Amino acid sequence: MRRSRPDDGPPAAASDGGLDIAAPRGLRDLRRFSHEAMATVYEVHAVHADARYAAQAAQAAFDLADRLERQLSRFLPNSDVARINRLAAGETTRVSDSTMECLVIARHVFDLTGGAFDVSIGTGLPSLELDAGDCRVHAARSGVRLDLGGIGKGYAIDLMAELLEEWGIERALVHGGFSSVIALEGPANRDGWPLTLSDPASPSTVLAHLSVRQTALGASGLRKGDHIVDPRTGRPVRSRRAAWAAVPRPEPAGAGARMAGRPRLAPAAVADALTTAFMLLRLKDIESLCQRNRGLEAWILPPPAGSPPDGSGLRHFGDSLSGSPPAPRRP
């Protein structure tokens, strides 16, 4: 499904993590396009004088998301991930550059979080040997089962944002179901794209207002129940209601974000993965990660038993995108 919406149309539904856009009002040339892929709805919000050109650029970005889905989905029998999941001990398969890059990023975040983010859901990610130079995956043992749902959407919007920049669309925001968002430059005469963080159990309770540019954000929450499982224990997560992560884009972005011999610096993929890990990690570990990684930011909403009912128990770590979070309010 592909369609264009006027800038005063209804916003897309917020993610389980309560991340949403407060669309700027009164802007000229704000274009909005949407497309279904990877079991979610992707949207491109772009400021451009030529509506037809903006639509073509958005279509190119959506086509890229479709190509990535054919490589990364575990549900498609001939995808890269499906072939990896069928590997027996000692077998090897070749994958695309994009799949390999996504796997390298996933392994990096696995190491960074002590296994709290694990695309194998505890089935043995470290036993997969990744030959990034030759794009080959070797299974040291059988039974590893990958699910890139916790990082694939973020990776897709990283590449979609770079593609929009190649088309000259520099003032844009891209999201995948609002669980993964990347903001390029904001609309003219504004300091960024306006976003809100809300309690997933009470979307009208706004916890913080952000103005974001050149930044990726991820969101996770428990609005759908016990769908987040700790890969280290196999138990569902109930220690917090929601978590958000913000990661700055590298400078310069686009092609320069890939360094020789190293994977793309993909902030949306990293934010996507970290927000899942932040649902599991101890607060002191989240704080330590934010202190060690400049620009990394986290917001944690504890369960109702651990915080006031108005959501004012929101915890924040890292340099603030929003200054002091405002008191929660109901519009």
Protein backbone atom coordinates (compact mmCIF):
# COMPACT_ATOMS: atom_id res chain seq x y z
CA MET A 1 0.00 0.00 0.00
CA ARG A 2 1.37 3.38 -1.01
CA ARG A 3 -0.42 6.63 -0.43
CA SER A 4 0.21 10.31 0.12
CA ARG A 5 -1.45 12.19 2.97
CA PRO A 6 -1.85 15.93 3.54
CA ASP A 7 0.15 17.38 6.40
CA ASP A 8 -3.03 18.06 8.41
CA GLY A 9 -4.21 14.45 8.28
CA PRO A 10 -4.42 12.20 11.33
CA PRO A 11 -1.11 10.95 12.69
CA ALA A 12 -0.11 7.33 12.47
CA ALA A 13 -0.70 5.23 15.56
CA ALA A 14 2.01 5.48 18.16
CA SER A 15 4.27 2.53 18.82
CA ASP A 16 4.03 0.23 21.81
CA GLY A 17 6.68 2.46 23.33
CA GLY A 18 4.62 5.64 23.09
CA LEU A 19 6.76 7.56 20.58
CA ASP A 20 4.86 9.86 18.23
CA ILE A 21 5.22 12.95 16.07
CA ALA A 22 3.40 16.19 16.75
CA ALA A 23 3.21 17.27 13.10
CA PRO A 24 4.21 20.93 12.66
CA ARG A 25 1.21 23.04 11.73
CA GLY A 26 1.14 25.80 9.20
CA LEU A 27 4.10 24.50 7.18
CA ARG A 28 4.21 24.84 3.44
CA ASP A 29 5.41 21.95 1.28
CA LEU A 30 5.19 19.27 4.00
CA ARG A 31 4.59 15.96 2.23
CA ARG A 32 3.65 12.68 3.86
CA PHE A 33 3.85 9.21 2.30
CA SER A 34 3.29 5.75 3.76
CA HIS A 35 3.95 2.14 2.81
CA GLU A 36 3.50 -1.29 4.43
CA ALA A 37 6.61 -3.46 4.84
CA MET A 38 8.19 -5.65 7.54
CA ALA A 39 4.79 -6.03 9.24
CA THR A 40 4.55 -2.30 9.96
CA VAL A 41 3.78 1.02 8.28
CA TYR A 42 6.71 3.15 7.17
CA GLU A 43 6.20 6.86 6.72
CA VAL A 44 8.26 9.58 5.09
CA HIS A 45 7.57 13.17 6.17
CA ALA A 46 9.43 15.46 3.79
CA VAL A 47 9.55 19.20 3.22
CA HIS A 48 9.99 19.85 -0.50
CA ALA A 49 8.48 22.31 -2.97
CA ASP A 50 7.96 19.69 -5.70
CA ALA A 51 5.31 17.21 -4.54
CA ARG A 52 5.90 14.87 -7.48
CA TYR A 53 9.63 14.75 -6.91
CA ALA A 54 9.14 14.13 -3.18
CA ALA A 55 6.77 11.26 -4.00
CA GLN A 56 9.35 9.70 -6.33
CA ALA A 57 12.02 9.95 -3.65
CA ALA A 58 9.72 8.40 -1.05
CA GLN A 59 8.85 5.60 -3.49
CA ALA A 60 12.54 4.85 -3.99
CA ALA A 61 12.94 4.66 -0.20
CA PHE A 62 9.97 2.30 0.11
CA ASP A 63 11.36 0.08 -2.67
CA LEU A 64 14.58 -0.15 -0.65
CA ALA A 65 12.60 -1.27 2.42
CA ASP A 66 10.94 -3.97 0.32
CA ARG A 67 14.30 -5.26 -0.90
CA LEU A 68 15.62 -5.38 2.65
CA GLU A 69 12.55 -7.29 3.81
CA ARG A 70 13.24 -9.97 1.19
CA GLN A 71 16.72 -10.39 2.69
CA LEU A 72 16.04 -10.00 6.42
CA SER A 73 12.65 -11.62 7.03
CA ARG A 74 12.75 -15.01 8.75
CA PHE A 75 9.31 -15.77 7.27
CA LEU A 76 10.41 -15.81 3.62
CA PRO A 77 11.87 -19.25 2.80
CA ASN A 78 14.70 -18.01 0.57
CA SER A 79 15.70 -14.95 2.58
CA ASP A 80 19.23 -14.67 3.93
CA VAL A 81 17.96 -15.09 7.49
CA ALA A 82 15.85 -18.15 6.66
CA ARG A 83 18.89 -19.82 5.06
CA ILE A 84 21.02 -19.02 8.13
CA ASN A 85 18.33 -20.55 10.36
CA ARG A 86 18.54 -23.80 8.39
CA LEU A 87 22.31 -24.17 8.74
CA ALA A 88 23.56 -27.37 10.34
CA ALA A 89 26.82 -27.51 12.28
CA GLY A 90 29.74 -26.85 9.94
CA GLU A 91 27.65 -25.37 7.12
CA THR A 92 28.12 -21.93 5.54
CA THR A 93 25.90 -19.63 3.50
CA ARG A 94 26.56 -16.44 1.58
CA VAL A 95 24.41 -13.39 2.37
CA SER A 96 23.98 -9.88 0.97
CA ASP A 97 26.12 -6.94 2.05
CA SER A 98 23.10 -5.48 3.86
CA THR A 99 22.34 -8.66 5.78
CA MET A 100 25.95 -9.02 6.83
CA GLU A 101 26.10 -5.41 7.96
CA CYS A 102 22.90 -5.84 9.99
CA LEU A 103 24.32 -9.00 11.61
CA VAL A 104 27.60 -7.27 12.49
CA ILE A 105 25.67 -4.43 14.15
CA ALA A 106 23.48 -6.94 16.00
CA ARG A 107 26.55 -8.78 17.28
CA HIS A 108 28.12 -5.47 18.37
CA VAL A 109 25.04 -4.55 20.42
CA PHE A 110 24.90 -8.09 21.84
CA ASP A 111 28.44 -7.60 23.16
CA LEU A 112 27.74 -4.03 24.29
CA THR A 113 24.72 -5.09 26.37
CA GLY A 114 26.05 -8.37 27.74
CA GLY A 115 23.52 -10.35 25.72
CA ALA A 116 20.45 -8.33 26.76
CA PHE A 117 19.88 -7.70 23.05
CA ASP A 118 20.13 -11.00 21.21
CA VAL A 119 18.70 -11.58 17.71
CA SER A 120 19.03 -15.34 18.32
CA ILE A 121 16.82 -15.09 21.44
CA GLY A 122 19.25 -17.20 23.41
CA THR A 123 19.85 -19.88 20.77
CA GLY A 124 23.54 -19.09 20.26
CA LEU A 125 24.39 -15.94 18.32
CA PRO A 126 28.10 -16.16 19.31
CA SER A 127 28.34 -19.56 17.59
CA LEU A 128 27.77 -17.91 14.20
CA GLU A 129 31.05 -16.91 12.57
CA LEU A 130 30.65 -13.77 10.45
CA ASP A 131 33.06 -13.29 7.55
CA ALA A 132 32.20 -9.69 6.71
CA GLY A 133 34.77 -9.43 3.93
CA ASP A 134 33.30 -12.36 1.98
CA CYS A 135 29.71 -11.98 3.25
CA ARG A 136 29.58 -15.55 4.58
CA VAL A 137 27.96 -16.90 7.73
CA HIS A 138 29.33 -20.14 9.18
CA ALA A 139 27.47 -22.14 11.83
CA ALA A 140 29.72 -23.71 14.45
CA ARG A 141 26.70 -25.65 15.71
CA SER A 142 23.10 -26.35 14.75
CA GLY A 143 19.97 -24.79 16.14
CA VAL A 144 20.67 -21.04 15.96
CA ARG A 145 17.49 -19.19 15.09
CA LEU A 146 17.71 -15.51 14.15
CA ASP A 147 14.93 -12.94 14.27
CA LEU A 148 16.03 -9.49 13.10
CA GLY A 149 12.71 -7.86 14.01
CA GLY A 150 14.38 -5.95 16.84
CA ILE A 151 16.93 -4.27 14.57
CA GLY A 152 15.78 -4.66 10.95
CA LYS A 153 13.32 -1.76 10.92
CA GLY A 154 15.90 0.60 12.33
CA TYR A 155 18.47 -0.57 9.79
CA ALA A 156 15.95 -0.04 6.99
CA ILE A 157 15.20 3.56 7.97
CA ASP A 158 18.94 4.29 8.24
CA LEU A 159 19.34 3.31 4.59
CA MET A 160 16.08 5.01 3.58
CA ALA A 161 17.25 8.28 5.16
CA GLU A 162 20.57 8.09 3.31
CA LEU A 163 18.70 7.47 0.05
CA LEU A 164 16.48 10.51 0.60
CA GLU A 165 19.60 12.62 1.12
CA GLU A 166 21.00 11.30 -2.15
CA TRP A 167 17.81 12.56 -3.79
CA GLY A 168 18.39 15.97 -2.21
CA ILE A 169 15.57 15.53 0.34
CA GLU A 170 17.37 16.87 3.40
CA ARG A 171 14.46 18.08 5.56
CA ALA A 172 12.74 14.81 6.39
CA LEU A 173 11.70 12.36 9.07
CA VAL A 174 11.32 8.61 8.47
CA HIS A 175 9.78 6.08 10.80
CA GLY A 176 8.83 2.41 10.87
CA GLY A 177 5.70 2.08 12.97
CA PHE A 178 7.11 4.72 15.35
CA SER A 179 9.18 2.07 17.10
CA SER A 180 12.08 3.33 14.97
CA VAL A 181 12.45 6.98 13.93
CA ILE A 182 15.19 8.95 12.22
CA ALA A 183 15.15 12.72 11.87
CA LEU A 184 17.22 14.51 9.24
CA GLU A 185 17.21 18.31 9.17
CA GLY A 186 14.04 19.86 10.55
CA PRO A 187 11.63 22.13 8.67
CA ALA A 188 12.98 25.58 7.84
CA ASN A 189 13.01 28.05 10.74
CA ARG A 190 12.50 25.22 13.26
CA ASP A 191 15.14 23.64 15.45
CA GLY A 192 13.98 20.10 14.72
CA TRP A 193 11.08 17.68 14.31
CA PRO A 194 8.65 17.70 17.28
CA LEU A 195 8.23 14.30 18.94
CA THR A 196 6.52 13.19 22.13
CA LEU A 197 7.11 10.35 24.59
CA SER A 198 3.91 8.98 26.14
CA ASP A 199 2.90 6.24 28.55
CA PRO A 200 2.00 3.27 26.29
CA ALA A 201 -0.77 2.30 28.73
CA SER A 202 -2.18 5.84 28.56
CA PRO A 203 -1.19 7.49 25.25
CA SER A 204 -2.77 10.82 26.24
CA THR A 205 -0.26 11.14 29.08
CA VAL A 206 2.65 13.00 27.47
CA LEU A 207 5.85 12.46 29.43
CA ALA A 208 8.31 14.55 27.40
CA HIS A 209 8.49 16.78 24.34
CA LEU A 210 11.53 16.54 22.06
CA SER A 211 12.76 18.61 19.15
CA VAL A 212 15.01 16.37 17.10
CA ARG A 213 17.40 16.71 14.15
CA GLN A 214 20.13 14.38 12.87
CA THR A 215 19.12 11.83 15.48
CA ALA A 216 17.59 8.34 15.59
CA LEU A 217 15.18 7.17 18.29
CA GLY A 218 13.85 3.75 19.23
CA ALA A 219 10.91 2.82 21.45
CA SER A 220 9.82 -0.34 23.26
CA GLY A 221 6.88 -0.91 25.57
CA LEU A 222 4.45 -3.43 26.98
CA ARG A 223 1.15 -2.29 25.51
CA LYS A 224 0.78 -5.69 23.82
CA GLY A 225 1.58 -7.69 26.95
CA ASP A 226 4.39 -10.19 27.45
CA HIS A 227 5.93 -9.93 23.98
CA ILE A 228 9.42 -8.91 25.17
CA VAL A 229 11.42 -11.85 26.53
CA ASP A 230 14.77 -11.70 28.29
CA PRO A 231 17.01 -13.90 26.06
CA ARG A 232 19.26 -14.61 29.04
CA THR A 233 16.48 -16.20 31.12
CA GLY A 234 13.58 -16.90 28.74
CA ARG A 235 11.22 -14.97 31.02
CA PRO A 236 8.90 -12.15 29.90
CA VAL A 237 9.87 -8.61 30.87
CA ARG A 238 7.71 -6.92 33.49
CA SER A 239 10.22 -4.64 35.22
CA ARG A 240 9.24 -1.50 33.27
CA ARG A 241 6.50 -0.12 31.08
CA ALA A 242 8.57 1.48 28.34
CA ALA A 243 12.06 2.46 27.26
CA TRP A 244 13.35 4.90 24.65
CA ALA A 245 16.84 5.37 23.21
CA ALA A 246 18.29 8.24 21.15
CA VAL A 247 21.47 7.94 19.09
CA PRO A 248 22.95 10.86 17.09
CA ARG A 249 23.65 10.39 13.39
CA PRO A 250 27.33 10.38 12.44
CA GLU A 251 28.85 13.43 10.83
CA PRO A 252 28.87 13.37 7.92
CA ALA A 253 25.98 11.00 7.31
CA GLY A 254 25.24 9.19 4.09
CA ALA A 255 28.10 7.49 2.26
CA GLY A 256 30.65 8.92 4.69
CA ALA A 257 29.01 6.98 7.52
CA ARG A 258 30.71 3.81 6.33
CA MET A 259 34.38 3.56 7.25
CA ALA A 260 36.88 1.30 5.51
CA GLY A 261 36.67 -2.24 6.86
CA ARG A 262 33.90 -1.35 9.33
CA PRO A 263 30.10 -1.54 9.18
CA ARG A 264 27.91 1.45 8.57
CA LEU A 265 27.38 3.69 11.59
CA ALA A 266 23.65 2.99 11.63
CA PRO A 267 22.11 5.00 14.50
CA ALA A 268 18.51 3.86 13.97
CA ALA A 269 19.54 0.19 13.98
CA VAL A 270 21.51 0.76 17.18
CA ALA A 271 18.66 2.74 18.81
CA ASP A 272 16.21 0.00 17.76
CA ALA A 273 18.36 -2.64 19.45
CA LEU A 274 19.25 -0.62 22.54
CA THR A 275 15.66 0.24 23.39
CA THR A 276 14.93 -3.49 23.65
CA ALA A 277 17.99 -3.97 25.85
CA PHE A 278 16.92 -1.00 27.99
CA MET A 279 13.73 -2.88 28.86
CA LEU A 280 15.96 -5.48 30.54
CA LEU A 281 19.14 -3.85 31.84
CA ARG A 282 19.58 -2.49 35.35
CA LEU A 283 19.30 1.30 35.60
CA LYS A 284 22.91 1.62 36.69
CA ASP A 285 24.02 -0.30 33.58
CA ILE A 286 21.94 1.96 31.33
CA GLU A 287 23.43 5.01 33.02
CA SER A 288 26.94 3.60 32.52
CA LEU A 289 26.30 2.98 28.81
CA CYS A 290 25.09 6.56 28.36
CA GLN A 291 28.14 7.90 30.18
CA ARG A 292 30.55 5.84 28.06
CA ASN A 293 28.92 6.60 24.70
CA ARG A 294 28.72 10.30 23.92
CA GLY A 295 25.33 11.37 22.61
CA LEU A 296 23.51 8.22 23.73
CA GLU A 297 20.34 9.08 25.63
CA ALA A 298 17.77 6.90 27.43
CA TRP A 299 14.37 7.32 29.05
CA ILE A 300 12.95 4.57 31.28
CA LEU A 301 9.37 4.31 32.54
CA PRO A 302 9.03 1.91 35.50
CA PRO A 303 5.96 -0.28 36.10
CA PRO A 304 2.95 1.27 37.85
CA ALA A 305 3.97 -0.27 41.18
CA GLY A 306 7.27 1.58 40.99
CA SER A 307 6.12 5.03 39.92
CA PRO A 308 3.33 7.57 40.43
CA PRO A 309 0.22 6.92 38.29
CA ASP A 310 0.74 10.15 36.30
CA GLY A 311 3.99 8.83 34.79
CA SER A 312 6.20 11.31 36.60
CA GLY A 313 8.57 8.48 37.54
CA LEU A 314 10.20 8.74 34.11
CA ARG A 315 13.98 8.35 34.43
CA HIS A 316 16.38 10.03 32.02
CA PHE A 317 20.05 9.31 31.30
CA GLY A 318 22.51 11.09 29.00
CA ASP A 319 22.65 14.57 27.50
CA SER A 320 19.10 15.81 27.09
CA LEU A 321 17.50 16.46 23.72
CA SER A 322 14.68 18.23 25.47
CA GLY A 323 16.13 20.03 28.48
CA SER A 324 14.26 19.23 31.66
CA PRO A 325 11.34 16.90 30.86
CA PRO A 326 8.03 18.72 31.39
CA ALA A 327 5.48 17.59 33.91
CA PRO A 328 3.17 14.97 32.39
CA ARG A 329 0.02 16.42 30.92
CA ARG A 330 -3.15 15.24 29.24
CA PRO A 331 -4.13 17.20 26.14
